[in-house]
Amino acid sequence: MPIIHVHMLEGRSLDLKRKLVGAMTEAVVKSLAVKPEAVRIILHDMAKNNYAIAGVLESEKK
C-alpha cells in the first residue's frame, strides 16, 4: 500500500486539494500497478510561520 505525504503551505482550496489527490492517485495506480483503493495520501498544511527559506520565514516575505 503506497503512502504519500505531501507537505505544502496553507491556503489552497479544497477543490485544488481534490485535483491534487486525484492526479497523484492516478499516477501511482499507473506506475505501480495498484488499485486506487490501495493508495493513501496524507496532506500536511504548514502555517507560513512554520516554514523558512534562507533564514526568512515565509510569513514575513513580501
PDB file of N, CA and C in Angstrom:
ATOM      1  N   MET A   1       0.843  -1.175   0.000  1.00  0.00           N
ATOM      2  CA  MET A   1       0.000   0.000   0.000  1.00  0.00           C
ATOM      3  C   MET A   1       0.889   1.239   0.000  1.00  0.00           C
ATOM      4  N   PRO A   2       0.910   1.988  -1.105  1.00  0.00           N
ATOM      5  CA  PRO A   2       1.691   3.222  -1.156  1.00  0.00           C
ATOM      6  C   PRO A   2       1.082   4.291  -0.244  1.00  0.00           C
ATOM      7  N   ILE A   3       1.937   4.945   0.513  1.00  0.00           N
ATOM      8  CA  ILE A   3       1.510   6.056   1.363  1.00  0.00           C
ATOM      9  C   ILE A   3       2.336   7.274   0.963  1.00  0.00           C
ATOM     10  N   ILE A   4       1.654   8.332   0.569  1.00  0.00           N
ATOM     11  CA  ILE A   4       2.313   9.546   0.094  1.00  0.00           C
ATOM     12  C   ILE A   4       2.026  10.680   1.065  1.00  0.00           C
ATOM     13  N   HIS A   5       3.066  11.366   1.483  1.00  0.00           N
ATOM     14  CA  HIS A   5       2.926  12.548   2.336  1.00  0.00           C
ATOM     15  C   HIS A   5       3.228  13.777   1.482  1.00  0.00           C
ATOM     16  N   VAL A   6       2.333  14.745   1.524  1.00  0.00           N
ATOM     17  CA  VAL A   6       2.521  15.989   0.780  1.00  0.00           C
ATOM     18  C   VAL A   6       2.560  17.134   1.795  1.00  0.00           C
ATOM     19  N   HIS A   7       3.682  17.831   1.821  1.00  0.00           N
ATOM     20  CA  HIS A   7       3.831  18.999   2.690  1.00  0.00           C
ATOM     21  C   HIS A   7       3.709  20.235   1.809  1.00  0.00           C
ATOM     22  N   MET A   8       2.793  21.126   2.171  1.00  0.00           N
ATOM     23  CA  MET A   8       2.614  22.341   1.386  1.00  0.00           C
ATOM     24  C   MET A   8       2.150  23.468   2.299  1.00  0.00           C
ATOM     25  N   LEU A   9       2.386  24.680   1.842  1.00  0.00           N
ATOM     26  CA  LEU A   9       1.956  25.830   2.623  1.00  0.00           C
ATOM     27  C   LEU A   9       0.437  25.930   2.619  1.00  0.00           C
ATOM     28  N   GLU A  10      -0.095  26.376   3.723  1.00  0.00           N
ATOM     29  CA  GLU A  10      -1.535  26.526   3.875  1.00  0.00           C
ATOM     30  C   GLU A  10      -2.106  27.493   2.853  1.00  0.00           C
ATOM     31  N   GLY A  11      -3.414  27.384   2.621  1.00  0.00           N
ATOM     32  CA  GLY A  11      -4.083  28.373   1.795  1.00  0.00           C
ATOM     33  C   GLY A  11      -4.689  27.836   0.510  1.00  0.00           C
ATOM     34  N   ARG A  12      -4.438  26.584   0.172  1.00  0.00           N
ATOM     35  CA  ARG A  12      -5.028  26.035  -1.055  1.00  0.00           C
ATOM     36  C   ARG A  12      -6.457  25.595  -0.794  1.00  0.00           C
ATOM     37  N   SER A  13      -7.287  25.756  -1.799  1.00  0.00           N
ATOM     38  CA  SER A  13      -8.709  25.437  -1.650  1.00  0.00           C
ATOM     39  C   SER A  13      -8.934  23.924  -1.625  1.00  0.00           C
ATOM     40  N   LEU A  14     -10.097  23.553  -1.140  1.00  0.00           N
ATOM     41  CA  LEU A  14     -10.499  22.150  -1.125  1.00  0.00           C
ATOM     42  C   LEU A  14     -10.548  21.595  -2.542  1.00  0.00           C
ATOM     43  N   ASP A  15     -10.987  22.407  -3.494  1.00  0.00           N
ATOM     44  CA  ASP A  15     -11.046  21.965  -4.891  1.00  0.00           C
ATOM     45  C   ASP A  15      -9.654  21.636  -5.426  1.00  0.00           C
ATOM     46  N   LEU A  16      -8.677  22.471  -5.130  1.00  0.00           N
ATOM     47  CA  LEU A  16      -7.308  22.204  -5.575  1.00  0.00           C
ATOM     48  C   LEU A  16      -6.748  20.941  -4.934  1.00  0.00           C
ATOM     49  N   LYS A  17      -7.074  20.726  -3.667  1.00  0.00           N
ATOM     50  CA  LYS A  17      -6.617  19.512  -2.987  1.00  0.00           C
ATOM     51  C   LYS A  17      -7.257  18.274  -3.606  1.00  0.00           C
ATOM     52  N   ARG A  18      -8.519  18.363  -3.969  1.00  0.00           N
ATOM     53  CA  ARG A  18      -9.189  17.244  -4.648  1.00  0.00           C
ATOM     54  C   ARG A  18      -8.492  16.911  -5.963  1.00  0.00           C
ATOM     55  N   LYS A  19      -8.173  17.955  -6.737  1.00  0.00           N
ATOM     56  CA  LYS A  19      -7.474  17.748  -8.013  1.00  0.00           C
ATOM     57  C   LYS A  19      -6.110  17.103  -7.784  1.00  0.00           C
ATOM     58  N   LEU A  20      -5.401  17.560  -6.787  1.00  0.00           N
ATOM     59  CA  LEU A  20      -4.079  17.029  -6.490  1.00  0.00           C
ATOM     60  C   LEU A  20      -4.142  15.552  -6.137  1.00  0.00           C
ATOM     61  N   VAL A  21      -5.014  15.190  -5.192  1.00  0.00           N
ATOM     62  CA  VAL A  21      -5.051  13.784  -4.769  1.00  0.00           C
ATOM     63  C   VAL A  21      -5.574  12.880  -5.886  1.00  0.00           C
ATOM     64  N   GLY A  22      -6.450  13.394  -6.726  1.00  0.00           N
ATOM     65  CA  GLY A  22      -6.920  12.611  -7.865  1.00  0.00           C
ATOM     66  C   GLY A  22      -5.806  12.323  -8.846  1.00  0.00           C
ATOM     67  N   ALA A  23      -5.041  13.364  -9.187  1.00  0.00           N
ATOM     68  CA  ALA A  23      -3.935  13.207 -10.134  1.00  0.00           C
ATOM     69  C   ALA A  23      -2.833  12.324  -9.562  1.00  0.00           C
ATOM     70  N   MET A  24      -2.536  12.491  -8.283  1.00  0.00           N
ATOM     71  CA  MET A  24      -1.495  11.674  -7.661  1.00  0.00           C
ATOM     72  C   MET A  24      -1.917  10.212  -7.598  1.00  0.00           C
ATOM     73  N   THR A  25      -3.165   9.981  -7.246  1.00  0.00           N
ATOM     74  CA  THR A  25      -3.662   8.604  -7.192  1.00  0.00           C
ATOM     75  C   THR A  25      -3.558   7.951  -8.559  1.00  0.00           C
ATOM     76  N   GLU A  26      -3.974   8.663  -9.582  1.00  0.00           N
ATOM     77  CA  GLU A  26      -3.907   8.137 -10.949  1.00  0.00           C
ATOM     78  C   GLU A  26      -2.470   7.795 -11.337  1.00  0.00           C
ATOM     79  N   ALA A  27      -1.530   8.668 -10.999  1.00  0.00           N
ATOM     80  CA  ALA A  27      -0.125   8.422 -11.333  1.00  0.00           C
ATOM     81  C   ALA A  27       0.419   7.193 -10.609  1.00  0.00           C
ATOM     82  N   VAL A  28       0.063   7.034  -9.354  1.00  0.00           N
ATOM     83  CA  VAL A  28       0.548   5.888  -8.583  1.00  0.00           C
ATOM     84  C   VAL A  28      -0.071   4.595  -9.103  1.00  0.00           C
ATOM     85  N   VAL A  29      -1.355   4.630  -9.417  1.00  0.00           N
ATOM     86  CA  VAL A  29      -2.034   3.449  -9.972  1.00  0.00           C
ATOM     87  C   VAL A  29      -1.345   3.001 -11.260  1.00  0.00           C
ATOM     88  N   LYS A  30      -1.045   3.948 -12.140  1.00  0.00           N
ATOM     89  CA  LYS A  30      -0.408   3.624 -13.414  1.00  0.00           C
ATOM     90  C   LYS A  30       1.030   3.148 -13.243  1.00  0.00           C
ATOM     91  N   SER A  31       1.776   3.804 -12.389  1.00  0.00           N
ATOM     92  CA  SER A  31       3.204   3.487 -12.286  1.00  0.00           C
ATOM     93  C   SER A  31       3.507   2.275 -11.408  1.00  0.00           C
ATOM     94  N   LEU A  32       2.668   1.998 -10.413  1.00  0.00           N
ATOM     95  CA  LEU A  32       2.930   0.884  -9.502  1.00  0.00           C
ATOM     96  C   LEU A  32       1.983  -0.297  -9.692  1.00  0.00           C
ATOM     97  N   ALA A  33       1.036  -0.151 -10.617  1.00  0.00           N
ATOM     98  CA  ALA A  33       0.074  -1.227 -10.901  1.00  0.00           C
ATOM     99  C   ALA A  33      -0.668  -1.676  -9.642  1.00  0.00           C
ATOM    100  N   VAL A  34      -1.192  -0.700  -8.911  1.00  0.00           N
ATOM    101  CA  VAL A  34      -2.020  -0.984  -7.738  1.00  0.00           C
ATOM    102  C   VAL A  34      -3.420  -0.440  -7.979  1.00  0.00           C
ATOM    103  N   LYS A  35      -4.356  -0.874  -7.168  1.00  0.00           N
ATOM    104  CA  LYS A  35      -5.722  -0.357  -7.261  1.00  0.00           C
ATOM    105  C   LYS A  35      -5.798   0.987  -6.539  1.00  0.00           C
ATOM    106  N   PRO A  36      -6.691   1.860  -6.987  1.00  0.00           N
ATOM    107  CA  PRO A  36      -6.828   3.163  -6.319  1.00  0.00           C
ATOM    108  C   PRO A  36      -7.111   3.041  -4.823  1.00  0.00           C
ATOM    109  N   GLU A  37      -7.825   1.993  -4.443  1.00  0.00           N
ATOM    110  CA  GLU A  37      -8.165   1.799  -3.029  1.00  0.00           C
ATOM    111  C   GLU A  37      -6.933   1.556  -2.160  1.00  0.00           C
ATOM    112  N   ALA A  38      -5.823   1.199  -2.781  1.00  0.00           N
ATOM    113  CA  ALA A  38      -4.602   0.924  -2.027  1.00  0.00           C
ATOM    114  C   ALA A  38      -3.778   2.173  -1.767  1.00  0.00           C
ATOM    115  N   VAL A  39      -4.072   3.245  -2.465  1.00  0.00           N
ATOM    116  CA  VAL A  39      -3.261   4.465  -2.380  1.00  0.00           C
ATOM    117  C   VAL A  39      -3.735   5.333  -1.212  1.00  0.00           C
ATOM    118  N   ARG A  40      -2.791   5.714  -0.380  1.00  0.00           N
ATOM    119  CA  ARG A  40      -3.074   6.605   0.743  1.00  0.00           C
ATOM    120  C   ARG A  40      -2.299   7.891   0.540  1.00  0.00           C
ATOM    121  N   ILE A  41      -2.957   9.030   0.724  1.00  0.00           N
ATOM    122  CA  ILE A  41      -2.302  10.333   0.592  1.00  0.00           C
ATOM    123  C   ILE A  41      -2.616  11.147   1.836  1.00  0.00           C
ATOM    124  N   ILE A  42      -1.575  11.668   2.453  1.00  0.00           N
ATOM    125  CA  ILE A  42      -1.735  12.492   3.651  1.00  0.00           C
ATOM    126  C   ILE A  42      -1.251  13.898   3.313  1.00  0.00           C
ATOM    127  N   LEU A  43      -2.132  14.869   3.447  1.00  0.00           N
ATOM    128  CA  LEU A  43      -1.793  16.268   3.173  1.00  0.00           C
ATOM    129  C   LEU A  43      -1.426  16.965   4.475  1.00  0.00           C
ATOM    130  N   HIS A  44      -0.284  17.596   4.472  1.00  0.00           N
ATOM    131  CA  HIS A  44       0.178  18.354   5.638  1.00  0.00           C
ATOM    132  C   HIS A  44       0.191  19.832   5.256  1.00  0.00           C
ATOM    133  N   ASP A  45      -0.767  20.600   5.749  1.00  0.00           N
ATOM    134  CA  ASP A  45      -0.779  22.039   5.525  1.00  0.00           C
ATOM    135  C   ASP A  45       0.116  22.695   6.574  1.00  0.00           C
ATOM    136  N   MET A  46       1.100  23.429   6.099  1.00  0.00           N
ATOM    137  CA  MET A  46       2.017  24.096   7.017  1.00  0.00           C
ATOM    138  C   MET A  46       1.684  25.575   7.100  1.00  0.00           C
ATOM    139  N   ALA A  47       1.643  26.077   8.314  1.00  0.00           N
ATOM    140  CA  ALA A  47       1.459  27.513   8.504  1.00  0.00           C
ATOM    141  C   ALA A  47       2.692  28.226   7.958  1.00  0.00           C
ATOM    142  N   LYS A  48       2.486  29.385   7.363  1.00  0.00           N
ATOM    143  CA  LYS A  48       3.592  30.121   6.753  1.00  0.00           C
ATOM    144  C   LYS A  48       4.624  30.578   7.778  1.00  0.00           C
ATOM    145  N   ASN A  49       4.243  30.604   9.047  1.00  0.00           N
ATOM    146  CA  ASN A  49       5.218  30.974  10.073  1.00  0.00           C
ATOM    147  C   ASN A  49       5.981  29.758  10.581  1.00  0.00           C
ATOM    148  N   ASN A  50       5.760  28.585   9.967  1.00  0.00           N
ATOM    149  CA  ASN A  50       6.499  27.374  10.318  1.00  0.00           C
ATOM    150  C   ASN A  50       7.388  26.901   9.170  1.00  0.00           C
ATOM    151  N   TYR A  51       7.668  27.766   8.213  1.00  0.00           N
ATOM    152  CA  TYR A  51       8.470  27.403   7.044  1.00  0.00           C
ATOM    153  C   TYR A  51       9.356  28.585   6.680  1.00  0.00           C
ATOM    154  N   ALA A  52      10.633  28.291   6.446  1.00  0.00           N
ATOM    155  CA  ALA A  52      11.574  29.375   6.128  1.00  0.00           C
ATOM    156  C   ALA A  52      12.497  28.965   4.988  1.00  0.00           C
ATOM    157  N   ILE A  53      12.925  29.957   4.238  1.00  0.00           N
ATOM    158  CA  ILE A  53      13.934  29.773   3.196  1.00  0.00           C
ATOM    159  C   ILE A  53      15.015  30.813   3.444  1.00  0.00           C
ATOM    160  N   ALA A  54      16.249  30.364   3.491  1.00  0.00           N
ATOM    161  CA  ALA A  54      17.403  31.254   3.679  1.00  0.00           C
ATOM    162  C   ALA A  54      17.255  32.121   4.925  1.00  0.00           C
ATOM    163  N   GLY A  55      16.710  31.547   5.984  1.00  0.00           N
ATOM    164  CA  GLY A  55      16.610  32.258   7.253  1.00  0.00           C
ATOM    165  C   GLY A  55      15.466  33.235   7.365  1.00  0.00           C
ATOM    166  N   VAL A  56      14.553  33.234   6.392  1.00  0.00           N
ATOM    167  CA  VAL A  56      13.413  34.154   6.418  1.00  0.00           C
ATOM    168  C   VAL A  56      12.124  33.342   6.427  1.00  0.00           C
ATOM    169  N   LEU A  57      11.281  33.607   7.426  1.00  0.00           N
ATOM    170  CA  LEU A  57      10.002  32.916   7.490  1.00  0.00           C
ATOM    171  C   LEU A  57       9.151  33.281   6.296  1.00  0.00           C
ATOM    172  N   GLU A  58       8.450  32.302   5.778  1.00  0.00           N
ATOM    173  CA  GLU A  58       7.574  32.544   4.627  1.00  0.00           C
ATOM    174  C   GLU A  58       6.512  33.603   4.962  1.00  0.00           C
ATOM    175  N   SER A  59       6.052  33.632   6.202  1.00  0.00           N
ATOM    176  CA  SER A  59       5.044  34.610   6.631  1.00  0.00           C
ATOM    177  C   SER A  59       5.579  36.037   6.620  1.00  0.00           C
ATOM    178  N   GLU A  60       6.896  36.211   6.600  1.00  0.00           N
ATOM    179  CA  GLU A  60       7.492  37.536   6.636  1.00  0.00           C
ATOM    180  C   GLU A  60       7.953  38.015   5.263  1.00  0.00           C
ATOM    181  N   LYS A  61       7.765  37.204   4.251  1.00  0.00           N
ATOM    182  CA  LYS A  61       8.133  37.623   2.895  1.00  0.00           C
ATOM    183  C   LYS A  61       7.078  38.564   2.353  1.00  0.00           C
ATOM    184  N   LYS A  62       7.518  39.469   1.501  1.00  0.00           N
ATOM    185  CA  LYS A  62       6.594  40.448   0.935  1.00  0.00           C
ATOM    186  C   LYS A  62       6.118  40.027  -0.410  1.00  0.00           C
TER     187      LYS A  62
END
